[in-house]
Amino acid sequence: QVQLVESGGGLVQAGGSLRLSCAASGGTFSRRNMGWFRQASGKEREFVAAINWSGGSTYYGDSAKGRFTISRDNAKNMVYLQMNSLKPEDTAVYYCAAMGAGHSSSSFRRSYEYDNWGQGTQVTVSY
């Protein structure tokens, strides 16, 4: 089992930055690939970023590439999403997600590959 709790969301002006954190508990964090997804009001869930077990490989959705950076600290059971150059269209609830322990998939952009989800943290980017 793993429990995920996101934090760091809030209100920021366009062009600003925000750093989201995801705290994992319950063990096996270092054996789980991790991802960030977001869901804007009235829209379907969208892949943002993913990171493998060791942190050596990262992947980004088209809208995030070049602006967002995913990272992890296995010693602290934490995963982060640094968001720079924020745009109003980035406004959404951001969710941290974990694949099953030891599970790997090339379909890291698909939400169904993730077994555990946090409650989400709201990010609002104003003009």
N, C-alpha and C. Protein backbone atom coordinates (compact mmCIF):
# COMPACT_ATOMS: atom_id res chain seq x y z
N GLN A 1 0.81 -1.17 0.00
CA GLN A 1 0.00 0.00 0.00
C GLN A 1 0.87 1.25 0.00
N VAL A 2 0.33 2.29 -0.55
CA VAL A 2 0.99 3.58 -0.51
C VAL A 2 -0.09 4.66 -0.48
N GLN A 3 0.11 5.63 0.37
CA GLN A 3 -0.79 6.77 0.45
C GLN A 3 -0.06 8.01 -0.06
N LEU A 4 -0.76 8.82 -0.82
CA LEU A 4 -0.16 9.98 -1.45
C LEU A 4 -0.91 11.23 -1.04
N VAL A 5 -0.17 12.26 -0.68
CA VAL A 5 -0.75 13.53 -0.29
C VAL A 5 -0.03 14.65 -1.02
N GLU A 6 -0.78 15.38 -1.85
CA GLU A 6 -0.20 16.50 -2.58
C GLU A 6 -0.29 17.78 -1.76
N SER A 7 0.63 18.68 -2.03
CA SER A 7 0.61 19.99 -1.41
C SER A 7 1.35 20.97 -2.32
N GLY A 8 1.20 22.25 -2.03
CA GLY A 8 1.92 23.27 -2.76
C GLY A 8 1.11 24.03 -3.78
N GLY A 9 -0.13 23.62 -3.99
CA GLY A 9 -0.97 24.34 -4.92
C GLY A 9 -1.37 25.69 -4.37
N GLY A 10 -1.93 26.51 -5.24
CA GLY A 10 -2.35 27.83 -4.84
C GLY A 10 -2.63 28.71 -6.03
N LEU A 11 -2.70 29.99 -5.76
CA LEU A 11 -2.97 31.00 -6.79
C LEU A 11 -1.69 31.70 -7.17
N VAL A 12 -1.43 31.79 -8.46
CA VAL A 12 -0.22 32.44 -8.94
C VAL A 12 -0.54 33.19 -10.23
N GLN A 13 0.17 34.27 -10.47
CA GLN A 13 -0.02 35.02 -11.71
C GLN A 13 0.65 34.33 -12.89
N ALA A 14 0.12 34.58 -14.07
CA ALA A 14 0.73 34.04 -15.28
C ALA A 14 2.19 34.45 -15.35
N GLY A 15 3.03 33.49 -15.73
CA GLY A 15 4.46 33.71 -15.79
C GLY A 15 5.18 33.33 -14.51
N GLY A 16 4.44 33.09 -13.46
CA GLY A 16 5.02 32.73 -12.19
C GLY A 16 5.35 31.26 -12.09
N SER A 17 5.81 30.87 -10.91
CA SER A 17 6.24 29.50 -10.66
C SER A 17 5.57 28.95 -9.42
N LEU A 18 5.48 27.64 -9.38
CA LEU A 18 4.91 26.94 -8.25
C LEU A 18 5.57 25.58 -8.17
N ARG A 19 5.78 25.10 -6.97
CA ARG A 19 6.35 23.78 -6.77
C ARG A 19 5.38 22.91 -5.99
N LEU A 20 4.94 21.84 -6.62
CA LEU A 20 4.06 20.89 -5.98
C LEU A 20 4.86 19.77 -5.35
N SER A 21 4.39 19.29 -4.22
CA SER A 21 5.02 18.18 -3.53
C SER A 21 4.02 17.05 -3.35
N CYS A 22 4.53 15.85 -3.37
CA CYS A 22 3.73 14.66 -3.12
C CYS A 22 4.46 13.82 -2.10
N ALA A 23 3.85 13.65 -0.95
CA ALA A 23 4.42 12.84 0.12
C ALA A 23 3.81 11.46 0.10
N ALA A 24 4.65 10.45 0.05
CA ALA A 24 4.20 9.07 0.02
C ALA A 24 4.46 8.41 1.36
N SER A 25 3.54 7.58 1.78
CA SER A 25 3.71 6.82 3.00
C SER A 25 3.18 5.41 2.79
N GLY A 26 3.62 4.51 3.64
CA GLY A 26 3.18 3.13 3.54
C GLY A 26 4.20 2.19 2.94
N GLY A 27 5.33 2.71 2.54
CA GLY A 27 6.41 1.89 2.04
C GLY A 27 6.37 1.67 0.53
N THR A 28 7.42 1.09 0.01
CA THR A 28 7.61 0.69 -1.39
C THR A 28 7.71 1.87 -2.36
N PHE A 29 7.88 3.08 -1.86
CA PHE A 29 7.93 4.24 -2.73
C PHE A 29 9.05 4.13 -3.77
N SER A 30 10.22 3.69 -3.34
CA SER A 30 11.37 3.64 -4.22
C SER A 30 11.24 2.58 -5.32
N ARG A 31 10.23 1.73 -5.24
CA ARG A 31 9.98 0.72 -6.27
C ARG A 31 8.78 1.07 -7.13
N ARG A 32 8.35 2.31 -7.07
CA ARG A 32 7.19 2.74 -7.83
C ARG A 32 7.53 3.86 -8.80
N ASN A 33 7.12 3.68 -10.03
CA ASN A 33 7.14 4.80 -10.96
C ASN A 33 6.04 5.78 -10.55
N MET A 34 6.32 7.06 -10.72
CA MET A 34 5.41 8.08 -10.24
C MET A 34 5.00 9.02 -11.38
N GLY A 35 3.83 9.59 -11.23
CA GLY A 35 3.36 10.51 -12.25
C GLY A 35 2.57 11.66 -11.66
N TRP A 36 2.45 12.69 -12.45
CA TRP A 36 1.57 13.81 -12.16
C TRP A 36 0.55 13.93 -13.29
N PHE A 37 -0.70 14.08 -12.90
CA PHE A 37 -1.79 14.33 -13.83
C PHE A 37 -2.53 15.57 -13.38
N ARG A 38 -3.31 16.12 -14.28
CA ARG A 38 -4.14 17.27 -13.90
C ARG A 38 -5.50 17.15 -14.56
N GLN A 39 -6.47 17.78 -13.94
CA GLN A 39 -7.81 17.77 -14.47
C GLN A 39 -8.43 19.15 -14.26
N ALA A 40 -8.68 19.81 -15.36
CA ALA A 40 -9.36 21.09 -15.32
C ALA A 40 -10.86 20.87 -15.21
N SER A 41 -11.55 21.86 -14.69
CA SER A 41 -12.98 21.75 -14.51
C SER A 41 -13.68 21.45 -15.83
N GLY A 42 -14.48 20.40 -15.83
CA GLY A 42 -15.23 20.03 -17.02
C GLY A 42 -14.43 19.31 -18.09
N LYS A 43 -13.17 19.00 -17.83
CA LYS A 43 -12.33 18.33 -18.81
C LYS A 43 -11.79 17.02 -18.25
N GLU A 44 -11.31 16.17 -19.12
CA GLU A 44 -10.80 14.88 -18.68
C GLU A 44 -9.38 15.01 -18.15
N ARG A 45 -8.98 14.01 -17.41
CA ARG A 45 -7.66 13.98 -16.80
C ARG A 45 -6.57 13.96 -17.86
N GLU A 46 -5.52 14.73 -17.63
CA GLU A 46 -4.44 14.91 -18.60
C GLU A 46 -3.10 14.55 -17.97
N PHE A 47 -2.29 13.81 -18.71
CA PHE A 47 -0.95 13.48 -18.27
C PHE A 47 -0.06 14.71 -18.27
N VAL A 48 0.72 14.87 -17.20
CA VAL A 48 1.63 16.00 -17.08
C VAL A 48 3.08 15.56 -17.11
N ALA A 49 3.44 14.62 -16.25
CA ALA A 49 4.83 14.20 -16.14
C ALA A 49 4.92 12.86 -15.44
N ALA A 50 6.01 12.15 -15.67
CA ALA A 50 6.26 10.88 -15.00
C ALA A 50 7.75 10.73 -14.74
N ILE A 51 8.08 9.91 -13.76
CA ILE A 51 9.47 9.67 -13.39
C ILE A 51 9.60 8.22 -12.96
N ASN A 52 10.70 7.59 -13.36
CA ASN A 52 10.88 6.18 -13.04
C ASN A 52 11.38 6.00 -11.62
N TRP A 53 11.61 4.75 -11.25
CA TRP A 53 11.96 4.39 -9.87
C TRP A 53 13.15 5.17 -9.34
N SER A 54 14.20 5.24 -10.13
CA SER A 54 15.44 5.85 -9.67
C SER A 54 15.48 7.36 -9.88
N GLY A 55 14.60 7.86 -10.71
CA GLY A 55 14.64 9.27 -11.08
C GLY A 55 15.50 9.54 -12.29
N GLY A 56 16.07 8.50 -12.88
CA GLY A 56 16.96 8.68 -14.01
C GLY A 56 16.26 8.96 -15.33
N SER A 57 14.97 8.67 -15.39
CA SER A 57 14.21 8.90 -16.61
C SER A 57 12.97 9.71 -16.28
N THR A 58 12.74 10.74 -17.06
CA THR A 58 11.55 11.57 -16.89
C THR A 58 10.84 11.74 -18.22
N TYR A 59 9.54 11.99 -18.14
CA TYR A 59 8.71 12.11 -19.32
C TYR A 59 7.70 13.22 -19.08
N TYR A 60 7.33 13.91 -20.15
CA TYR A 60 6.45 15.05 -20.01
C TYR A 60 5.39 15.08 -21.09
N GLY A 61 4.22 15.55 -20.70
CA GLY A 61 3.21 15.83 -21.68
C GLY A 61 3.61 17.03 -22.52
N ASP A 62 2.98 17.15 -23.67
CA ASP A 62 3.35 18.22 -24.60
C ASP A 62 3.21 19.60 -23.97
N SER A 63 2.18 19.79 -23.18
CA SER A 63 1.95 21.10 -22.59
C SER A 63 2.93 21.43 -21.47
N ALA A 64 3.59 20.42 -20.91
CA ALA A 64 4.49 20.62 -19.78
C ALA A 64 5.95 20.71 -20.19
N LYS A 65 6.30 20.11 -21.29
CA LYS A 65 7.70 20.02 -21.70
C LYS A 65 8.30 21.41 -21.87
N GLY A 66 9.46 21.59 -21.25
CA GLY A 66 10.16 22.86 -21.32
C GLY A 66 9.79 23.83 -20.23
N ARG A 67 8.71 23.57 -19.52
CA ARG A 67 8.26 24.45 -18.45
C ARG A 67 8.22 23.77 -17.08
N PHE A 68 7.90 22.49 -17.07
CA PHE A 68 7.75 21.75 -15.82
C PHE A 68 8.90 20.76 -15.66
N THR A 69 9.24 20.48 -14.41
CA THR A 69 10.27 19.51 -14.10
C THR A 69 9.80 18.60 -12.98
N ILE A 70 9.81 17.30 -13.23
CA ILE A 70 9.46 16.33 -12.20
C ILE A 70 10.75 15.79 -11.59
N SER A 71 10.74 15.56 -10.30
CA SER A 71 11.89 15.01 -9.61
C SER A 71 11.41 14.20 -8.41
N ARG A 72 12.32 13.43 -7.83
CA ARG A 72 11.94 12.65 -6.66
C ARG A 72 13.12 12.53 -5.71
N ASP A 73 12.81 12.30 -4.46
CA ASP A 73 13.79 12.07 -3.43
C ASP A 73 13.36 10.81 -2.70
N ASN A 74 13.95 9.69 -3.06
CA ASN A 74 13.53 8.42 -2.48
C ASN A 74 13.84 8.31 -0.99
N ALA A 75 14.88 9.00 -0.54
CA ALA A 75 15.20 8.99 0.87
C ALA A 75 14.12 9.65 1.70
N LYS A 76 13.39 10.58 1.09
CA LYS A 76 12.32 11.29 1.78
C LYS A 76 10.93 10.84 1.36
N ASN A 77 10.86 9.88 0.46
CA ASN A 77 9.58 9.42 -0.08
C ASN A 77 8.77 10.59 -0.64
N MET A 78 9.42 11.39 -1.46
CA MET A 78 8.79 12.59 -2.02
C MET A 78 8.97 12.64 -3.53
N VAL A 79 7.98 13.17 -4.19
CA VAL A 79 8.08 13.49 -5.60
C VAL A 79 7.60 14.94 -5.76
N TYR A 80 8.22 15.65 -6.70
CA TYR A 80 7.96 17.07 -6.86
C TYR A 80 7.62 17.39 -8.30
N LEU A 81 6.92 18.48 -8.46
CA LEU A 81 6.67 19.02 -9.78
C LEU A 81 6.94 20.52 -9.72
N GLN A 82 8.04 20.93 -10.31
CA GLN A 82 8.37 22.34 -10.41
C GLN A 82 7.74 22.89 -11.67
N MET A 83 6.90 23.90 -11.51
CA MET A 83 6.18 24.47 -12.63
C MET A 83 6.61 25.92 -12.81
N ASN A 84 7.16 26.22 -13.96
CA ASN A 84 7.60 27.56 -14.30
C ASN A 84 6.82 28.07 -15.50
N SER A 85 6.88 29.38 -15.70
CA SER A 85 6.20 30.02 -16.82
C SER A 85 4.74 29.59 -16.91
N LEU A 86 4.07 29.65 -15.79
CA LEU A 86 2.70 29.17 -15.72
C LEU A 86 1.76 30.02 -16.57
N LYS A 87 0.78 29.34 -17.13
CA LYS A 87 -0.22 29.96 -17.98
C LYS A 87 -1.60 29.73 -17.39
N PRO A 88 -2.55 30.59 -17.71
CA PRO A 88 -3.91 30.37 -17.21
C PRO A 88 -4.47 28.99 -17.56
N GLU A 89 -4.09 28.45 -18.71
CA GLU A 89 -4.57 27.13 -19.10
C GLU A 89 -3.97 26.00 -18.28
N ASP A 90 -3.01 26.31 -17.41
CA ASP A 90 -2.48 25.32 -16.47
C ASP A 90 -3.39 25.14 -15.26
N THR A 91 -4.39 25.98 -15.13
CA THR A 91 -5.31 25.90 -14.01
C THR A 91 -6.01 24.55 -14.01
N ALA A 92 -5.89 23.84 -12.90
CA ALA A 92 -6.46 22.50 -12.78
C ALA A 92 -6.20 21.98 -11.38
N VAL A 93 -6.83 20.87 -11.07
CA VAL A 93 -6.45 20.10 -9.90
C VAL A 93 -5.34 19.14 -10.32
N TYR A 94 -4.24 19.17 -9.61
CA TYR A 94 -3.10 18.34 -9.94
C TYR A 94 -3.04 17.15 -9.00
N TYR A 95 -2.88 15.97 -9.58
CA TYR A 95 -2.88 14.72 -8.83
C TYR A 95 -1.54 14.01 -8.94
N CYS A 96 -1.06 13.53 -7.83
CA CYS A 96 0.08 12.65 -7.78
C CYS A 96 -0.41 11.21 -7.89
N ALA A 97 0.31 10.38 -8.64
CA ALA A 97 -0.11 9.00 -8.85
C ALA A 97 1.09 8.06 -8.80
N ALA A 98 0.84 6.85 -8.35
CA ALA A 98 1.88 5.84 -8.24
C ALA A 98 1.48 4.55 -8.94
N MET A 99 2.40 3.99 -9.70
CA MET A 99 2.19 2.65 -10.21
C MET A 99 2.39 1.64 -9.10
N GLY A 100 1.96 0.43 -9.30
CA GLY A 100 2.16 -0.62 -8.33
C GLY A 100 3.64 -0.88 -8.11
N ALA A 101 3.97 -1.34 -6.92
CA ALA A 101 5.36 -1.63 -6.59
C ALA A 101 5.93 -2.65 -7.57
N GLY A 102 7.06 -2.30 -8.17
CA GLY A 102 7.70 -3.18 -9.11
C GLY A 102 7.09 -3.20 -10.50
N HIS A 103 6.03 -2.44 -10.70
CA HIS A 103 5.34 -2.43 -11.98
C HIS A 103 5.97 -1.39 -12.90
N SER A 104 6.18 -1.78 -14.14
CA SER A 104 6.70 -0.87 -15.15
C SER A 104 5.80 -0.94 -16.37
N SER A 105 5.68 0.18 -17.04
CA SER A 105 4.86 0.24 -18.23
C SER A 105 5.35 1.36 -19.12
N SER A 106 5.34 1.10 -20.41
CA SER A 106 5.65 2.15 -21.37
C SER A 106 4.47 3.10 -21.55
N SER A 107 3.31 2.70 -21.04
CA SER A 107 2.10 3.51 -21.16
C SER A 107 1.95 4.44 -19.97
N PHE A 108 3.01 5.11 -19.60
CA PHE A 108 3.02 5.97 -18.43
C PHE A 108 2.14 7.20 -18.60
N ARG A 109 1.69 7.47 -19.80
CA ARG A 109 0.79 8.59 -20.04
C ARG A 109 -0.66 8.23 -19.78
N ARG A 110 -0.92 6.96 -19.53
CA ARG A 110 -2.28 6.49 -19.34
C ARG A 110 -2.60 6.37 -17.86
N SER A 111 -3.68 6.97 -17.46
CA SER A 111 -4.02 6.99 -16.05
C SER A 111 -4.29 5.60 -15.49
N TYR A 112 -4.76 4.67 -16.32
CA TYR A 112 -5.09 3.34 -15.83
C TYR A 112 -3.87 2.54 -15.40
N GLU A 113 -2.68 2.99 -15.74
CA GLU A 113 -1.46 2.30 -15.33
C GLU A 113 -1.08 2.62 -13.88
N TYR A 114 -1.75 3.54 -13.28
CA TYR A 114 -1.44 3.97 -11.92
C TYR A 114 -2.47 3.43 -10.94
N ASP A 115 -1.97 2.86 -9.84
CA ASP A 115 -2.84 2.19 -8.88
C ASP A 115 -3.27 3.06 -7.72
N ASN A 116 -2.48 4.06 -7.40
CA ASN A 116 -2.75 4.89 -6.24
C ASN A 116 -2.73 6.36 -6.63
N TRP A 117 -3.65 7.10 -6.03
CA TRP A 117 -3.81 8.51 -6.34
C TRP A 117 -3.96 9.34 -5.08
N GLY A 118 -3.39 10.53 -5.12
CA GLY A 118 -3.61 11.47 -4.05
C GLY A 118 -4.95 12.17 -4.22
N GLN A 119 -5.24 13.04 -3.28
CA GLN A 119 -6.53 13.74 -3.29
C GLN A 119 -6.54 14.94 -4.22
N GLY A 120 -5.37 15.37 -4.65
CA GLY A 120 -5.26 16.50 -5.55
C GLY A 120 -5.00 17.80 -4.85
N THR A 121 -4.36 18.72 -5.55
CA THR A 121 -4.14 20.06 -5.05
C THR A 121 -4.45 21.06 -6.16
N GLN A 122 -5.18 22.10 -5.81
CA GLN A 122 -5.66 23.06 -6.80
C GLN A 122 -4.56 24.04 -7.18
N VAL A 123 -4.37 24.22 -8.47
CA VAL A 123 -3.48 25.23 -9.01
C VAL A 123 -4.32 26.18 -9.85
N THR A 124 -4.26 27.45 -9.53
CA THR A 124 -4.99 28.46 -10.27
C THR A 124 -4.02 29.53 -10.75
N VAL A 125 -3.99 29.75 -12.05
CA VAL A 125 -3.10 30.74 -12.65
C VAL A 125 -3.96 31.87 -13.17
N SER A 126 -3.74 33.04 -12.65
CA SER A 126 -4.52 34.21 -13.03
C SER A 126 -3.80 35.01 -14.10
N TYR A 127 -4.57 35.86 -14.77
CA TYR A 127 -3.98 36.75 -15.78
C TYR A 127 -3.27 37.91 -15.10
